[in-house]
Amino acid sequence: MTAAAADLPGTTTVSARAVGRIAAAAAAEVAGVDTPVRVDATISGDRTALELRLPIRYPEPVGRVTDICREHLLRRTEELTGLGVARVDIVVTALTRRGVVTGRVR
């Protein structure tokens, strides 16, 4: 007879580093967010606070992309880690362009 997971003793702990990597992957799922995404996660009990540094693709609207990213991170981080998200701070580090040729044009 197999016991249900809820009946087994023990705890599951997700490290701050793992939460940061999960949040970075979730942020990369958002249209308009470019790579690399950097995330610092701080865990306190069953809650986490996220600080993101991310580039946004030009000419996407920065406010709209960050709002969508924040909502997506709240949902996906809670879904994937089981931790509640207390705060998501976002610092836009750059505006990037895909396929931009650098150097001299002849």
PDB file of N, CA and C in Angstrom:
ATOM      1  N   MET A   1       0.835  -1.169   0.000  1.00  0.00           N
ATOM      2  CA  MET A   1       0.000   0.000   0.000  1.00  0.00           C
ATOM      3  C   MET A   1       0.888   1.244   0.000  1.00  0.00           C
ATOM      4  N   THR A   2       0.616   2.193  -0.875  1.00  0.00           N
ATOM      5  CA  THR A   2       1.414   3.400  -1.009  1.00  0.00           C
ATOM      6  C   THR A   2       0.727   4.559  -0.298  1.00  0.00           C
ATOM      7  N   ALA A   3       1.498   5.282   0.510  1.00  0.00           N
ATOM      8  CA  ALA A   3       0.948   6.444   1.222  1.00  0.00           C
ATOM      9  C   ALA A   3       0.935   7.645   0.287  1.00  0.00           C
ATOM     10  N   ALA A   4      -0.057   8.485   0.467  1.00  0.00           N
ATOM     11  CA  ALA A   4      -0.121   9.731  -0.310  1.00  0.00           C
ATOM     12  C   ALA A   4       0.999  10.647   0.145  1.00  0.00           C
ATOM     13  N   ALA A   5       1.483  11.505  -0.757  1.00  0.00           N
ATOM     14  CA  ALA A   5       2.584  12.406  -0.441  1.00  0.00           C
ATOM     15  C   ALA A   5       2.260  13.291   0.755  1.00  0.00           C
ATOM     16  N   ALA A   6       1.016  13.713   0.908  1.00  0.00           N
ATOM     17  CA  ALA A   6       0.621  14.573   2.027  1.00  0.00           C
ATOM     18  C   ALA A   6       0.722  13.837   3.360  1.00  0.00           C
ATOM     19  N   ASP A   7       0.686  12.504   3.352  1.00  0.00           N
ATOM     20  CA  ASP A   7       0.748  11.721   4.584  1.00  0.00           C
ATOM     21  C   ASP A   7       2.177  11.425   5.020  1.00  0.00           C
ATOM     22  N   LEU A   8       3.161  11.684   4.171  1.00  0.00           N
ATOM     23  CA  LEU A   8       4.546  11.375   4.493  1.00  0.00           C
ATOM     24  C   LEU A   8       5.183  12.505   5.290  1.00  0.00           C
ATOM     25  N   PRO A   9       6.002  12.182   6.276  1.00  0.00           N
ATOM     26  CA  PRO A   9       6.666  13.227   7.053  1.00  0.00           C
ATOM     27  C   PRO A   9       7.810  13.859   6.249  1.00  0.00           C
ATOM     28  N   GLY A  10       8.131  15.103   6.600  1.00  0.00           N
ATOM     29  CA  GLY A  10       9.261  15.769   5.959  1.00  0.00           C
ATOM     30  C   GLY A  10       8.871  17.125   5.403  1.00  0.00           C
ATOM     31  N   THR A  11       9.871  17.848   4.982  1.00  0.00           N
ATOM     32  CA  THR A  11       9.654  19.181   4.413  1.00  0.00           C
ATOM     33  C   THR A  11      10.394  19.292   3.094  1.00  0.00           C
ATOM     34  N   THR A  12       9.942  20.193   2.273  1.00  0.00           N
ATOM     35  CA  THR A  12      10.612  20.499   1.017  1.00  0.00           C
ATOM     36  C   THR A  12      11.100  21.932   1.094  1.00  0.00           C
ATOM     37  N   THR A  13      12.371  22.131   0.802  1.00  0.00           N
ATOM     38  CA  THR A  13      12.959  23.460   0.829  1.00  0.00           C
ATOM     39  C   THR A  13      13.496  23.793  -0.553  1.00  0.00           C
ATOM     40  N   VAL A  14      13.152  24.961  -1.054  1.00  0.00           N
ATOM     41  CA  VAL A  14      13.656  25.429  -2.339  1.00  0.00           C
ATOM     42  C   VAL A  14      14.648  26.546  -2.039  1.00  0.00           C
ATOM     43  N   SER A  15      15.867  26.419  -2.526  1.00  0.00           N
ATOM     44  CA  SER A  15      16.898  27.415  -2.231  1.00  0.00           C
ATOM     45  C   SER A  15      16.628  28.721  -2.968  1.00  0.00           C
ATOM     46  N   ALA A  16      17.190  29.797  -2.448  1.00  0.00           N
ATOM     47  CA  ALA A  16      17.046  31.110  -3.084  1.00  0.00           C
ATOM     48  C   ALA A  16      17.642  31.083  -4.501  1.00  0.00           C
ATOM     49  N   ARG A  17      18.720  30.366  -4.671  1.00  0.00           N
ATOM     50  CA  ARG A  17      19.335  30.262  -6.006  1.00  0.00           C
ATOM     51  C   ARG A  17      18.388  29.582  -6.994  1.00  0.00           C
ATOM     52  N   ALA A  18      17.729  28.507  -6.555  1.00  0.00           N
ATOM     53  CA  ALA A  18      16.783  27.804  -7.425  1.00  0.00           C
ATOM     54  C   ALA A  18      15.591  28.695  -7.750  1.00  0.00           C
ATOM     55  N   VAL A  19      15.087  29.422  -6.761  1.00  0.00           N
ATOM     56  CA  VAL A  19      13.968  30.331  -7.000  1.00  0.00           C
ATOM     57  C   VAL A  19      14.377  31.400  -8.009  1.00  0.00           C
ATOM     58  N   GLY A  20      15.597  31.916  -7.869  1.00  0.00           N
ATOM     59  CA  GLY A  20      16.098  32.914  -8.818  1.00  0.00           C
ATOM     60  C   GLY A  20      16.171  32.381 -10.235  1.00  0.00           C
ATOM     61  N   ARG A  21      16.627  31.170 -10.392  1.00  0.00           N
ATOM     62  CA  ARG A  21      16.714  30.574 -11.730  1.00  0.00           C
ATOM     63  C   ARG A  21      15.327  30.305 -12.320  1.00  0.00           C
ATOM     64  N   ILE A  22      14.413  29.862 -11.487  1.00  0.00           N
ATOM     65  CA  ILE A  22      13.043  29.641 -11.947  1.00  0.00           C
ATOM     66  C   ILE A  22      12.424  30.961 -12.384  1.00  0.00           C
ATOM     67  N   ALA A  23      12.618  32.010 -11.588  1.00  0.00           N
ATOM     68  CA  ALA A  23      12.069  33.324 -11.920  1.00  0.00           C
ATOM     69  C   ALA A  23      12.712  33.888 -13.193  1.00  0.00           C
ATOM     70  N   ALA A  24      14.000  33.682 -13.383  1.00  0.00           N
ATOM     71  CA  ALA A  24      14.678  34.159 -14.596  1.00  0.00           C
ATOM     72  C   ALA A  24      14.114  33.460 -15.832  1.00  0.00           C
ATOM     73  N   ALA A  25      13.894  32.157 -15.726  1.00  0.00           N
ATOM     74  CA  ALA A  25      13.310  31.417 -16.850  1.00  0.00           C
ATOM     75  C   ALA A  25      11.889  31.896 -17.128  1.00  0.00           C
ATOM     76  N   ALA A  26      11.122  32.168 -16.077  1.00  0.00           N
ATOM     77  CA  ALA A  26       9.752  32.652 -16.252  1.00  0.00           C
ATOM     78  C   ALA A  26       9.746  34.039 -16.891  1.00  0.00           C
ATOM     79  N   ALA A  27      10.660  34.906 -16.497  1.00  0.00           N
ATOM     80  CA  ALA A  27      10.734  36.251 -17.083  1.00  0.00           C
ATOM     81  C   ALA A  27      11.065  36.167 -18.568  1.00  0.00           C
ATOM     82  N   ALA A  28      11.909  35.223 -18.940  1.00  0.00           N
ATOM     83  CA  ALA A  28      12.292  35.062 -20.348  1.00  0.00           C
ATOM     84  C   ALA A  28      11.115  34.594 -21.200  1.00  0.00           C
ATOM     85  N   GLU A  29      10.052  34.071 -20.579  1.00  0.00           N
ATOM     86  CA  GLU A  29       8.854  33.646 -21.306  1.00  0.00           C
ATOM     87  C   GLU A  29       7.999  34.832 -21.765  1.00  0.00           C
ATOM     88  N   VAL A  30       8.257  36.004 -21.209  1.00  0.00           N
ATOM     89  CA  VAL A  30       7.436  37.185 -21.494  1.00  0.00           C
ATOM     90  C   VAL A  30       7.903  37.853 -22.784  1.00  0.00           C
ATOM     91  N   ALA A  31       6.970  38.124 -23.679  1.00  0.00           N
ATOM     92  CA  ALA A  31       7.291  38.812 -24.935  1.00  0.00           C
ATOM     93  C   ALA A  31       7.847  40.200 -24.626  1.00  0.00           C
ATOM     94  N   GLY A  32       8.956  40.526 -25.259  1.00  0.00           N
ATOM     95  CA  GLY A  32       9.572  41.830 -25.066  1.00  0.00           C
ATOM     96  C   GLY A  32      10.746  41.802 -24.116  1.00  0.00           C
ATOM     97  N   VAL A  33      10.892  40.720 -23.336  1.00  0.00           N
ATOM     98  CA  VAL A  33      12.029  40.585 -22.427  1.00  0.00           C
ATOM     99  C   VAL A  33      13.154  39.895 -23.179  1.00  0.00           C
ATOM    100  N   ASP A  34      14.348  40.480 -23.104  1.00  0.00           N
ATOM    101  CA  ASP A  34      15.517  39.912 -23.773  1.00  0.00           C
ATOM    102  C   ASP A  34      16.390  39.213 -22.733  1.00  0.00           C
ATOM    103  N   THR A  35      17.427  38.569 -23.175  1.00  0.00           N
ATOM    104  CA  THR A  35      18.369  37.905 -22.275  1.00  0.00           C
ATOM    105  C   THR A  35      19.644  38.714 -22.203  1.00  0.00           C
ATOM    106  N   PRO A  36      20.421  38.620 -21.166  1.00  0.00           N
ATOM    107  CA  PRO A  36      20.230  37.767 -20.000  1.00  0.00           C
ATOM    108  C   PRO A  36      19.383  38.443 -18.938  1.00  0.00           C
ATOM    109  N   VAL A  37      18.576  37.643 -18.257  1.00  0.00           N
ATOM    110  CA  VAL A  37      17.780  38.115 -17.125  1.00  0.00           C
ATOM    111  C   VAL A  37      18.518  37.683 -15.861  1.00  0.00           C
ATOM    112  N   ARG A  38      18.702  38.603 -14.946  1.00  0.00           N
ATOM    113  CA  ARG A  38      19.371  38.298 -13.678  1.00  0.00           C
ATOM    114  C   ARG A  38      18.351  38.479 -12.551  1.00  0.00           C
ATOM    115  N   VAL A  39      18.311  37.515 -11.627  1.00  0.00           N
ATOM    116  CA  VAL A  39      17.338  37.563 -10.533  1.00  0.00           C
ATOM    117  C   VAL A  39      18.032  37.249  -9.216  1.00  0.00           C
ATOM    118  N   ASP A  40      17.748  38.065  -8.212  1.00  0.00           N
ATOM    119  CA  ASP A  40      18.127  37.769  -6.834  1.00  0.00           C
ATOM    120  C   ASP A  40      16.839  37.483  -6.086  1.00  0.00           C
ATOM    121  N   ALA A  41      16.805  36.351  -5.397  1.00  0.00           N
ATOM    122  CA  ALA A  41      15.627  35.970  -4.620  1.00  0.00           C
ATOM    123  C   ALA A  41      15.998  35.945  -3.143  1.00  0.00           C
ATOM    124  N   THR A  42      15.113  36.463  -2.326  1.00  0.00           N
ATOM    125  CA  THR A  42      15.264  36.406  -0.883  1.00  0.00           C
ATOM    126  C   THR A  42      14.056  35.660  -0.335  1.00  0.00           C
ATOM    127  N   ILE A  43      14.321  34.638   0.459  1.00  0.00           N
ATOM    128  CA  ILE A  43      13.236  33.817   0.993  1.00  0.00           C
ATOM    129  C   ILE A  43      13.098  34.073   2.491  1.00  0.00           C
ATOM    130  N   SER A  44      11.864  34.266   2.904  1.00  0.00           N
ATOM    131  CA  SER A  44      11.549  34.435   4.319  1.00  0.00           C
ATOM    132  C   SER A  44      10.318  33.583   4.617  1.00  0.00           C
ATOM    133  N   GLY A  45      10.532  32.467   5.265  1.00  0.00           N
ATOM    134  CA  GLY A  45       9.432  31.545   5.550  1.00  0.00           C
ATOM    135  C   GLY A  45       8.884  30.948   4.271  1.00  0.00           C
ATOM    136  N   ASP A  46       7.595  31.172   4.022  1.00  0.00           N
ATOM    137  CA  ASP A  46       6.965  30.626   2.816  1.00  0.00           C
ATOM    138  C   ASP A  46       6.739  31.702   1.762  1.00  0.00           C
ATOM    139  N   ARG A  47       7.509  32.811   1.847  1.00  0.00           N
ATOM    140  CA  ARG A  47       7.385  33.928   0.893  1.00  0.00           C
ATOM    141  C   ARG A  47       8.756  34.245   0.311  1.00  0.00           C
ATOM    142  N   THR A  48       8.740  34.794  -0.885  1.00  0.00           N
ATOM    143  CA  THR A  48       9.977  35.218  -1.521  1.00  0.00           C
ATOM    144  C   THR A  48       9.810  36.628  -2.074  1.00  0.00           C
ATOM    145  N   ALA A  49      10.912  37.353  -2.117  1.00  0.00           N
ATOM    146  CA  ALA A  49      10.967  38.665  -2.762  1.00  0.00           C
ATOM    147  C   ALA A  49      11.952  38.532  -3.909  1.00  0.00           C
ATOM    148  N   LEU A  50      11.598  39.069  -5.061  1.00  0.00           N
ATOM    149  CA  LEU A  50      12.432  38.952  -6.254  1.00  0.00           C
ATOM    150  C   LEU A  50      12.919  40.324  -6.692  1.00  0.00           C
ATOM    151  N   GLU A  51      14.193  40.390  -7.060  1.00  0.00           N
ATOM    152  CA  GLU A  51      14.755  41.599  -7.669  1.00  0.00           C
ATOM    153  C   GLU A  51      15.320  41.202  -9.018  1.00  0.00           C
ATOM    154  N   LEU A  52      14.721  41.744 -10.081  1.00  0.00           N
ATOM    155  CA  LEU A  52      15.117  41.401 -11.442  1.00  0.00           C
ATOM    156  C   LEU A  52      15.887  42.532 -12.087  1.00  0.00           C
ATOM    157  N   ARG A  53      16.862  42.151 -12.891  1.00  0.00           N
ATOM    158  CA  ARG A  53      17.566  43.067 -13.778  1.00  0.00           C
ATOM    159  C   ARG A  53      17.401  42.471 -15.171  1.00  0.00           C
ATOM    160  N   LEU A  54      16.678  43.205 -16.012  1.00  0.00           N
ATOM    161  CA  LEU A  54      16.393  42.632 -17.320  1.00  0.00           C
ATOM    162  C   LEU A  54      16.449  43.666 -18.430  1.00  0.00           C
ATOM    163  N   PRO A  55      16.896  43.230 -19.596  1.00  0.00           N
ATOM    164  CA  PRO A  55      16.846  44.074 -20.794  1.00  0.00           C
ATOM    165  C   PRO A  55      15.500  43.895 -21.485  1.00  0.00           C
ATOM    166  N   ILE A  56      15.038  44.957 -22.100  1.00  0.00           N
ATOM    167  CA  ILE A  56      13.775  44.928 -22.841  1.00  0.00           C
ATOM    168  C   ILE A  56      14.059  45.259 -24.290  1.00  0.00           C
ATOM    169  N   ARG A  57      13.405  44.527 -25.190  1.00  0.00           N
ATOM    170  CA  ARG A  57      13.605  44.740 -26.626  1.00  0.00           C
ATOM    171  C   ARG A  57      12.962  46.053 -27.067  1.00  0.00           C
ATOM    172  N   TYR A  58      13.732  46.843 -27.745  1.00  0.00           N
ATOM    173  CA  TYR A  58      13.241  48.084 -28.334  1.00  0.00           C
ATOM    174  C   TYR A  58      12.455  47.735 -29.585  1.00  0.00           C
ATOM    175  N   PRO A  59      11.339  48.314 -29.871  1.00  0.00           N
ATOM    176  CA  PRO A  59      10.652  49.462 -29.276  1.00  0.00           C
ATOM    177  C   PRO A  59       9.484  49.083 -28.372  1.00  0.00           C
ATOM    178  N   GLU A  60       9.559  47.964 -27.657  1.00  0.00           N
ATOM    179  CA  GLU A  60       8.474  47.558 -26.763  1.00  0.00           C
ATOM    180  C   GLU A  60       8.261  48.603 -25.667  1.00  0.00           C
ATOM    181  N   PRO A  61       7.024  48.857 -25.260  1.00  0.00           N
ATOM    182  CA  PRO A  61       6.753  49.809 -24.179  1.00  0.00           C
ATOM    183  C   PRO A  61       7.253  49.257 -22.835  1.00  0.00           C
ATOM    184  N   VAL A  62       8.178  49.950 -22.226  1.00  0.00           N
ATOM    185  CA  VAL A  62       8.827  49.465 -21.005  1.00  0.00           C
ATOM    186  C   VAL A  62       7.807  49.208 -19.892  1.00  0.00           C
ATOM    187  N   GLY A  63       6.907  50.155 -19.644  1.00  0.00           N
ATOM    188  CA  GLY A  63       5.921  49.993 -18.572  1.00  0.00           C
ATOM    189  C   GLY A  63       5.019  48.798 -18.773  1.00  0.00           C
ATOM    190  N   ARG A  64       4.578  48.587 -19.993  1.00  0.00           N
ATOM    191  CA  ARG A  64       3.686  47.454 -20.279  1.00  0.00           C
ATOM    192  C   ARG A  64       4.419  46.129 -20.099  1.00  0.00           C
ATOM    193  N   VAL A  65       5.656  46.053 -20.625  1.00  0.00           N
ATOM    194  CA  VAL A  65       6.433  44.801 -20.512  1.00  0.00           C
ATOM    195  C   VAL A  65       6.726  44.488 -19.046  1.00  0.00           C
ATOM    196  N   THR A  66       7.104  45.494 -18.256  1.00  0.00           N
ATOM    197  CA  THR A  66       7.410  45.229 -16.846  1.00  0.00           C
ATOM    198  C   THR A  66       6.152  44.847 -16.060  1.00  0.00           C
ATOM    199  N   ASP A  67       5.013  45.449 -16.376  1.00  0.00           N
ATOM    200  CA  ASP A  67       3.762  45.075 -15.706  1.00  0.00           C
ATOM    201  C   ASP A  67       3.389  43.620 -16.016  1.00  0.00           C
ATOM    202  N   ILE A  68       3.480  43.249 -17.289  1.00  0.00           N
ATOM    203  CA  ILE A  68       3.166  41.870 -17.693  1.00  0.00           C
ATOM    204  C   ILE A  68       4.157  40.894 -17.060  1.00  0.00           C
ATOM    205  N   CYS A  69       5.427  41.280 -17.046  1.00  0.00           N
ATOM    206  CA  CYS A  69       6.470  40.431 -16.461  1.00  0.00           C
ATOM    207  C   CYS A  69       6.210  40.220 -14.966  1.00  0.00           C
ATOM    208  N   ARG A  70       5.872  41.276 -14.255  1.00  0.00           N
ATOM    209  CA  ARG A  70       5.599  41.187 -12.818  1.00  0.00           C
ATOM    210  C   ARG A  70       4.429  40.227 -12.553  1.00  0.00           C
ATOM    211  N   GLU A  71       3.344  40.376 -13.283  1.00  0.00           N
ATOM    212  CA  GLU A  71       2.178  39.495 -13.111  1.00  0.00           C
ATOM    213  C   GLU A  71       2.525  38.042 -13.431  1.00  0.00           C
ATOM    214  N   HIS A  72       3.275  37.851 -14.512  1.00  0.00           N
ATOM    215  CA  HIS A  72       3.675  36.500 -14.925  1.00  0.00           C
ATOM    216  C   HIS A  72       4.567  35.859 -13.858  1.00  0.00           C
ATOM    217  N   LEU A  73       5.493  36.637 -13.301  1.00  0.00           N
ATOM    218  CA  LEU A  73       6.391  36.102 -12.277  1.00  0.00           C
ATOM    219  C   LEU A  73       5.642  35.728 -11.003  1.00  0.00           C
ATOM    220  N   LEU A  74       4.682  36.546 -10.614  1.00  0.00           N
ATOM    221  CA  LEU A  74       3.877  36.199  -9.436  1.00  0.00           C
ATOM    222  C   LEU A  74       3.223  34.836  -9.614  1.00  0.00           C
ATOM    223  N   ARG A  75       2.588  34.654 -10.760  1.00  0.00           N
ATOM    224  CA  ARG A  75       1.857  33.409 -11.033  1.00  0.00           C
ATOM    225  C   ARG A  75       2.801  32.210 -11.180  1.00  0.00           C
ATOM    226  N   ARG A  76       3.827  32.347 -12.028  1.00  0.00           N
ATOM    227  CA  ARG A  76       4.705  31.200 -12.324  1.00  0.00           C
ATOM    228  C   ARG A  76       5.591  30.822 -11.135  1.00  0.00           C
ATOM    229  N   THR A  77       6.093  31.791 -10.399  1.00  0.00           N
ATOM    230  CA  THR A  77       6.952  31.473  -9.259  1.00  0.00           C
ATOM    231  C   THR A  77       6.156  30.748  -8.181  1.00  0.00           C
ATOM    232  N   GLU A  78       4.951  31.218  -7.905  1.00  0.00           N
ATOM    233  CA  GLU A  78       4.105  30.521  -6.936  1.00  0.00           C
ATOM    234  C   GLU A  78       3.762  29.114  -7.413  1.00  0.00           C
ATOM    235  N   GLU A  79       3.446  29.004  -8.699  1.00  0.00           N
ATOM    236  CA  GLU A  79       3.077  27.707  -9.284  1.00  0.00           C
ATOM    237  C   GLU A  79       4.226  26.712  -9.232  1.00  0.00           C
ATOM    238  N   LEU A  80       5.437  27.160  -9.556  1.00  0.00           N
ATOM    239  CA  LEU A  80       6.572  26.247  -9.685  1.00  0.00           C
ATOM    240  C   LEU A  80       7.323  25.986  -8.380  1.00  0.00           C
ATOM    241  N   THR A  81       7.256  26.912  -7.421  1.00  0.00           N
ATOM    242  CA  THR A  81       8.010  26.734  -6.179  1.00  0.00           C
ATOM    243  C   THR A  81       7.128  26.484  -4.968  1.00  0.00           C
ATOM    244  N   GLY A  82       5.860  26.872  -5.037  1.00  0.00           N
ATOM    245  CA  GLY A  82       4.991  26.764  -3.875  1.00  0.00           C
ATOM    246  C   GLY A  82       5.158  27.921  -2.905  1.00  0.00           C
ATOM    247  N   LEU A  83       6.041  28.861  -3.217  1.00  0.00           N
ATOM    248  CA  LEU A  83       6.265  30.027  -2.361  1.00  0.00           C
ATOM    249  C   LEU A  83       5.395  31.183  -2.817  1.00  0.00           C
ATOM    250  N   GLY A  84       4.865  31.936  -1.874  1.00  0.00           N
ATOM    251  CA  GLY A  84       4.164  33.157  -2.226  1.00  0.00           C
ATOM    252  C   GLY A  84       5.179  34.229  -2.593  1.00  0.00           C
ATOM    253  N   VAL A  85       4.809  35.126  -3.452  1.00  0.00           N
ATOM    254  CA  VAL A  85       5.719  36.200  -3.864  1.00  0.00           C
ATOM    255  C   VAL A  85       5.258  37.492  -3.192  1.00  0.00           C
ATOM    256  N   ALA A  86       6.113  38.011  -2.323  1.00  0.00           N
ATOM    257  CA  ALA A  86       5.782  39.217  -1.569  1.00  0.00           C
ATOM    258  C   ALA A  86       6.026  40.475  -2.394  1.00  0.00           C
ATOM    259  N   ARG A  87       7.039  40.446  -3.254  1.00  0.00           N
ATOM    260  CA  ARG A  87       7.428  41.655  -3.980  1.00  0.00           C
ATOM    261  C   ARG A  87       8.231  41.265  -5.215  1.00  0.00           C
ATOM    262  N   VAL A  88       8.053  42.037  -6.298  1.00  0.00           N
ATOM    263  CA  VAL A  88       8.861  41.872  -7.509  1.00  0.00           C
ATOM    264  C   VAL A  88       9.369  43.253  -7.896  1.00  0.00           C
ATOM    265  N   ASP A  89      10.648  43.499  -7.676  1.00  0.00           N
ATOM    266  CA  ASP A  89      11.282  44.755  -8.073  1.00  0.00           C
ATOM    267  C   ASP A  89      11.991  44.523  -9.400  1.00  0.00           C
ATOM    268  N   ILE A  90      11.784  45.438 -10.343  1.00  0.00           N
ATOM    269  CA  ILE A  90      12.382  45.284 -11.667  1.00  0.00           C
ATOM    270  C   ILE A  90      13.230  46.504 -11.995  1.00  0.00           C
ATOM    271  N   VAL A  91      14.466  46.249 -12.412  1.00  0.00           N
ATOM    272  CA  VAL A  91      15.356  47.285 -12.915  1.00  0.00           C
ATOM    273  C   VAL A  91      15.594  46.972 -14.390  1.00  0.00           C
ATOM    274  N   VAL A  92      15.237  47.898 -15.263  1.00  0.00           N
ATOM    275  CA  VAL A  92      15.479  47.717 -16.694  1.00  0.00           C
ATOM    276  C   VAL A  92      16.928  48.128 -16.947  1.00  0.00           C
ATOM    277  N   THR A  93      17.739  47.177 -17.389  1.00  0.00           N
ATOM    278  CA  THR A  93      19.175  47.423 -17.549  1.00  0.00           C
ATOM    279  C   THR A  93      19.553  47.898 -18.939  1.00  0.00           C
ATOM    280  N   ALA A  94      18.704  47.615 -19.937  1.00  0.00           N
ATOM    281  CA  ALA A  94      19.047  48.001 -21.306  1.00  0.00           C
ATOM    282  C   ALA A  94      17.828  47.884 -22.205  1.00  0.00           C
ATOM    283  N   LEU A  95      17.876  48.626 -23.290  1.00  0.00           N
ATOM    284  CA  LEU A  95      16.940  48.438 -24.401  1.00  0.00           C
ATOM    285  C   LEU A  95      17.752  47.812 -25.515  1.00  0.00           C
ATOM    286  N   THR A  96      17.320  46.676 -25.997  1.00  0.00           N
ATOM    287  CA  THR A  96      18.093  45.942 -26.997  1.00  0.00           C
ATOM    288  C   THR A  96      17.317  45.834 -28.298  1.00  0.00           C
ATOM    289  N   ARG A  97      18.046  45.597 -29.341  1.00  0.00           N
ATOM    290  CA  ARG A  97      17.435  45.363 -30.659  1.00  0.00           C
ATOM    291  C   ARG A  97      17.918  44.026 -31.176  1.00  0.00           C
ATOM    292  N   ARG A  98      17.015  43.280 -31.748  1.00  0.00           N
ATOM    293  CA  ARG A  98      17.377  42.002 -32.375  1.00  0.00           C
ATOM    294  C   ARG A  98      17.818  42.276 -33.803  1.00  0.00           C
ATOM    295  N   GLY A  99      18.897  41.626 -34.219  1.00  0.00           N
ATOM    296  CA  GLY A  99      19.337  41.723 -35.604  1.00  0.00           C
ATOM    297  C   GLY A  99      19.952  43.041 -35.998  1.00  0.00           C
ATOM    298  N   VAL A 100      20.382  43.835 -35.016  1.00  0.00           N
ATOM    299  CA  VAL A 100      21.010  45.107 -35.333  1.00  0.00           C
ATOM    300  C   VAL A 100      22.448  44.853 -35.733  1.00  0.00           C
ATOM    301  N   VAL A 101      22.829  45.420 -36.872  1.00  0.00           N
ATOM    302  CA  VAL A 101      24.195  45.285 -37.353  1.00  0.00           C
ATOM    303  C   VAL A 101      25.026  46.377 -36.706  1.00  0.00           C
ATOM    304  N   THR A 102      26.122  45.985 -36.066  1.00  0.00           N
ATOM    305  CA  THR A 102      26.993  46.967 -35.461  1.00  0.00           C
ATOM    306  C   THR A 102      28.173  47.217 -36.377  1.00  0.00           C
ATOM    307  N   GLY A 103      28.741  48.374 -36.268  1.00  0.00           N
ATOM    308  CA  GLY A 103      29.893  48.696 -37.105  1.00  0.00           C
ATOM    309  C   GLY A 103      29.463  49.606 -38.253  1.00  0.00           C
ATOM    310  N   ARG A 104      30.360  49.791 -39.162  1.00  0.00           N
ATOM    311  CA  ARG A 104      30.118  50.683 -40.296  1.00  0.00           C
ATOM    312  C   ARG A 104      29.269  50.040 -41.371  1.00  0.00           C
ATOM    313  N   VAL A 105      28.372  50.838 -41.912  1.00  0.00           N
ATOM    314  CA  VAL A 105      27.541  50.391 -43.020  1.00  0.00           C
ATOM    315  C   VAL A 105      28.102  50.991 -44.289  1.00  0.00           C
ATOM    316  N   ARG A 106      28.316  50.181 -45.298  1.00  0.00           N
ATOM    317  CA  ARG A 106      28.872  50.690 -46.556  1.00  0.00           C
ATOM    318  C   ARG A 106      27.866  50.678 -47.650  1.00  0.00           C
TER     319      ARG A 106
END
